Amino acid sequence: MVSKGDVTELKSLSNPPQHVKQVLTATVTLLGEENAEDYRYVKRALGDSTFLQSLAKIDVGSIPPEVAAKARGYIDGISEDQIRNVSKAACSLFRWIHEILAAVEKRTSDPSATAKPQA
C-alpha cells in the first residue's frame, strides 16, 4: 500500500536515482498523464492533493493495453530488490504498478474480470 509518507518522501527528491524516476514515470503514465517523462511534471503530479486517491480509485478497465505496455516498458528490467535498495517509498509504488499491470493483463485476457487492486 502506498502511504502519504511515501509520497512525501518521493516528492522531496530533487534528483532521484534513475530507477526511481522510471517507477514514477510508469505510475503517472498509468494514471493517464501525458507528460510522464518530464520529471517536473511528475513532481507536480506527486504534489497534487488527490494523488493518493487517484492511486486508490484507478479504474483498471479504463487503462488501454497500449498505456499499460508503455508503463511496463519504463520498469522492465528493474527488480523489486533494486528499487527497495534505493527507495523504500518507490518500492511501494513499484508493487502498485505491478498490481495494476496484472489487473490490466487479466482484464485483456478475460474481459469479464473486473478486479480492482488496492493502492
C-alpha atoms as a PDB file:
ATOM      1  CA  MET A   1       0.000   0.000   0.000  1.00  0.00           C
ATOM      2  CA  VAL A   2       1.288   3.445  -0.908  1.00  0.00           C
ATOM      3  CA  SER A   3       1.257   5.828   2.045  1.00  0.00           C
ATOM      4  CA  LYS A   4       1.204   9.590   2.369  1.00  0.00           C
ATOM      5  CA  GLY A   5       4.708   9.322   3.837  1.00  0.00           C
ATOM      6  CA  ASP A   6       5.882   7.516   0.697  1.00  0.00           C
ATOM      7  CA  VAL A   7       4.524  10.298  -1.490  1.00  0.00           C
ATOM      8  CA  THR A   8       6.082  12.962   0.738  1.00  0.00           C
ATOM      9  CA  GLU A   9       9.465  11.229   0.572  1.00  0.00           C
ATOM     10  CA  LEU A  10       9.316  10.887  -3.207  1.00  0.00           C
ATOM     11  CA  LYS A  11       8.194  14.478  -3.614  1.00  0.00           C
ATOM     12  CA  SER A  12      11.213  15.671  -1.631  1.00  0.00           C
ATOM     13  CA  LEU A  13      13.711  14.095  -4.029  1.00  0.00           C
ATOM     14  CA  SER A  14      15.095  16.810  -6.289  1.00  0.00           C
ATOM     15  CA  ASN A  15      17.207  14.408  -8.336  1.00  0.00           C
ATOM     16  CA  PRO A  16      16.147  10.809  -7.613  1.00  0.00           C
ATOM     17  CA  PRO A  17      18.045   7.765  -8.861  1.00  0.00           C
ATOM     18  CA  GLN A  18      17.156   6.693 -12.393  1.00  0.00           C
ATOM     19  CA  HIS A  19      15.197   3.629 -11.243  1.00  0.00           C
ATOM     20  CA  VAL A  20      13.040   5.824  -9.003  1.00  0.00           C
ATOM     21  CA  LYS A  21      12.358   8.174 -11.919  1.00  0.00           C
ATOM     22  CA  GLN A  22      11.332   5.179 -14.025  1.00  0.00           C
ATOM     23  CA  VAL A  23       8.899   3.995 -11.333  1.00  0.00           C
ATOM     24  CA  LEU A  24       7.395   7.467 -11.035  1.00  0.00           C
ATOM     25  CA  THR A  25       7.132   7.797 -14.806  1.00  0.00           C
ATOM     26  CA  ALA A  26       5.337   4.445 -15.037  1.00  0.00           C
ATOM     27  CA  THR A  27       2.998   5.483 -12.219  1.00  0.00           C
ATOM     28  CA  VAL A  28       1.857   8.734 -13.789  1.00  0.00           C
ATOM     29  CA  THR A  29       1.612   7.005 -17.178  1.00  0.00           C
ATOM     30  CA  LEU A  30      -0.896   4.553 -15.694  1.00  0.00           C
ATOM     31  CA  LEU A  31      -2.789   7.499 -14.230  1.00  0.00           C
ATOM     32  CA  GLY A  32      -3.182   8.843 -17.766  1.00  0.00           C
ATOM     33  CA  GLU A  33      -0.762  11.756 -17.611  1.00  0.00           C
ATOM     34  CA  GLU A  34       0.565  12.879 -20.976  1.00  0.00           C
ATOM     35  CA  ASN A  35       3.857  14.436 -19.796  1.00  0.00           C
ATOM     36  CA  ALA A  36       5.029  11.452 -17.775  1.00  0.00           C
ATOM     37  CA  GLU A  37       8.627  11.646 -18.983  1.00  0.00           C
ATOM     38  CA  ASP A  38       9.061  15.214 -17.717  1.00  0.00           C
ATOM     39  CA  TYR A  39      10.209  14.899 -14.102  1.00  0.00           C
ATOM     40  CA  ARG A  40       8.995  18.405 -13.290  1.00  0.00           C
ATOM     41  CA  TYR A  41       5.521  17.296 -14.293  1.00  0.00           C
ATOM     42  CA  VAL A  42       5.869  14.100 -12.247  1.00  0.00           C
ATOM     43  CA  LYS A  43       6.724  16.193  -9.171  1.00  0.00           C
ATOM     44  CA  ARG A  44       3.621  18.314  -9.767  1.00  0.00           C
ATOM     45  CA  ALA A  45       1.531  15.150 -10.011  1.00  0.00           C
ATOM     46  CA  LEU A  46       3.017  13.909  -6.715  1.00  0.00           C
ATOM     47  CA  GLY A  47       2.129  17.234  -5.126  1.00  0.00           C
ATOM     48  CA  ASP A  48      -1.499  17.041  -6.211  1.00  0.00           C
ATOM     49  CA  SER A  49      -3.690  16.643  -3.132  1.00  0.00           C
ATOM     50  CA  THR A  50      -5.659  13.903  -4.912  1.00  0.00           C
ATOM     51  CA  PHE A  51      -2.623  11.802  -5.935  1.00  0.00           C
ATOM     52  CA  LEU A  52      -3.166   9.061  -3.344  1.00  0.00           C
ATOM     53  CA  GLN A  53      -6.890   8.999  -4.113  1.00  0.00           C
ATOM     54  CA  SER A  54      -6.044   8.601  -7.797  1.00  0.00           C
ATOM     55  CA  LEU A  55      -3.943   5.555  -6.985  1.00  0.00           C
ATOM     56  CA  ALA A  56      -6.649   4.024  -4.806  1.00  0.00           C
ATOM     57  CA  LYS A  57      -9.516   4.710  -7.191  1.00  0.00           C
ATOM     58  CA  ILE A  58      -7.863   3.927 -10.502  1.00  0.00           C
ATOM     59  CA  ASP A  59     -10.246   2.263 -12.919  1.00  0.00           C
ATOM     60  CA  VAL A  60      -8.265  -0.614 -14.362  1.00  0.00           C
ATOM     61  CA  GLY A  61     -10.961  -1.029 -17.005  1.00  0.00           C
ATOM     62  CA  SER A  62     -10.157   2.387 -18.413  1.00  0.00           C
ATOM     63  CA  ILE A  63      -6.440   1.733 -18.936  1.00  0.00           C
ATOM     64  CA  PRO A  64      -5.779   0.902 -22.576  1.00  0.00           C
ATOM     65  CA  PRO A  65      -3.405  -2.039 -23.130  1.00  0.00           C
ATOM     66  CA  GLU A  66      -1.075   0.330 -25.014  1.00  0.00           C
ATOM     67  CA  VAL A  67      -0.747   2.562 -21.928  1.00  0.00           C
ATOM     68  CA  ALA A  68      -0.065  -0.485 -19.745  1.00  0.00           C
ATOM     69  CA  ALA A  69       2.608  -1.628 -22.199  1.00  0.00           C
ATOM     70  CA  LYS A  70       4.200   1.820 -22.156  1.00  0.00           C
ATOM     71  CA  ALA A  71       4.251   1.823 -18.336  1.00  0.00           C
ATOM     72  CA  ARG A  72       5.707  -1.682 -18.304  1.00  0.00           C
ATOM     73  CA  GLY A  73       8.451  -0.513 -20.645  1.00  0.00           C
ATOM     74  CA  TYR A  74       9.598   2.042 -18.069  1.00  0.00           C
ATOM     75  CA  ILE A  75      10.144  -0.608 -15.397  1.00  0.00           C
ATOM     76  CA  ASP A  76      11.240  -3.598 -17.477  1.00  0.00           C
ATOM     77  CA  GLY A  77      14.493  -4.995 -16.193  1.00  0.00           C
ATOM     78  CA  ILE A  78      14.095  -3.465 -12.729  1.00  0.00           C
ATOM     79  CA  SER A  79      13.548  -5.770  -9.765  1.00  0.00           C
ATOM     80  CA  GLU A  80      11.754  -5.002  -6.543  1.00  0.00           C
ATOM     81  CA  ASP A  81      15.053  -5.502  -4.686  1.00  0.00           C
ATOM     82  CA  GLN A  82      16.782  -2.903  -6.867  1.00  0.00           C
ATOM     83  CA  ILE A  83      14.056  -0.376  -6.094  1.00  0.00           C
ATOM     84  CA  ARG A  84      13.994  -1.223  -2.390  1.00  0.00           C
ATOM     85  CA  ASN A  85      17.765  -0.660  -2.194  1.00  0.00           C
ATOM     86  CA  VAL A  86      17.422   2.923  -3.447  1.00  0.00           C
ATOM     87  CA  SER A  87      14.000   3.918  -2.061  1.00  0.00           C
ATOM     88  CA  LYS A  88      11.512   2.050   0.086  1.00  0.00           C
ATOM     89  CA  ALA A  89       8.910   4.662  -0.841  1.00  0.00           C
ATOM     90  CA  ALA A  90       9.393   3.952  -4.553  1.00  0.00           C
ATOM     91  CA  CYS A  91       9.140   0.239  -3.794  1.00  0.00           C
ATOM     92  CA  SER A  92       5.533   0.647  -2.657  1.00  0.00           C
ATOM     93  CA  LEU A  93       4.706   2.341  -5.965  1.00  0.00           C
ATOM     94  CA  PHE A  94       6.601  -0.369  -7.833  1.00  0.00           C
ATOM     95  CA  ARG A  95       4.361  -3.011  -6.227  1.00  0.00           C
ATOM     96  CA  TRP A  96       1.268  -0.903  -7.038  1.00  0.00           C
ATOM     97  CA  ILE A  97       2.352  -0.713 -10.697  1.00  0.00           C
ATOM     98  CA  HIS A  98       2.734  -4.480 -10.861  1.00  0.00           C
ATOM     99  CA  GLU A  99      -0.728  -4.979  -9.325  1.00  0.00           C
ATOM    100  CA  ILE A 100      -2.274  -2.626 -11.874  1.00  0.00           C
ATOM    101  CA  LEU A 101      -0.412  -4.204 -14.797  1.00  0.00           C
ATOM    102  CA  ALA A 102      -1.502  -7.673 -13.667  1.00  0.00           C
ATOM    103  CA  ALA A 103      -5.114  -6.497 -13.440  1.00  0.00           C
ATOM    104  CA  VAL A 104      -4.939  -4.956 -16.922  1.00  0.00           C
ATOM    105  CA  GLU A 105      -3.460  -8.180 -18.309  1.00  0.00           C
ATOM    106  CA  LYS A 106      -6.178 -10.211 -16.611  1.00  0.00           C
ATOM    107  CA  ARG A 107      -8.845  -7.889 -17.990  1.00  0.00           C
ATOM    108  CA  THR A 108      -7.500  -8.060 -21.518  1.00  0.00           C
ATOM    109  CA  SER A 109      -7.232 -11.856 -21.375  1.00  0.00           C
ATOM    110  CA  ASP A 110     -10.572 -12.231 -19.552  1.00  0.00           C
ATOM    111  CA  PRO A 111     -12.996  -9.366 -20.366  1.00  0.00           C
ATOM    112  CA  SER A 112     -15.342 -10.438 -17.562  1.00  0.00           C
ATOM    113  CA  ALA A 113     -12.649  -9.740 -14.936  1.00  0.00           C
ATOM    114  CA  THR A 114     -13.228  -6.524 -13.058  1.00  0.00           C
ATOM    115  CA  ALA A 115     -10.779  -6.871 -10.164  1.00  0.00           C
ATOM    116  CA  LYS A 116      -9.615  -3.578  -8.705  1.00  0.00           C
ATOM    117  CA  PRO A 117      -6.291  -3.656  -6.839  1.00  0.00           C
ATOM    118  CA  GLN A 118      -5.795  -1.513  -3.755  1.00  0.00           C
ATOM    119  CA  ALA A 119      -3.262   1.311  -3.526  1.00  0.00           C
END
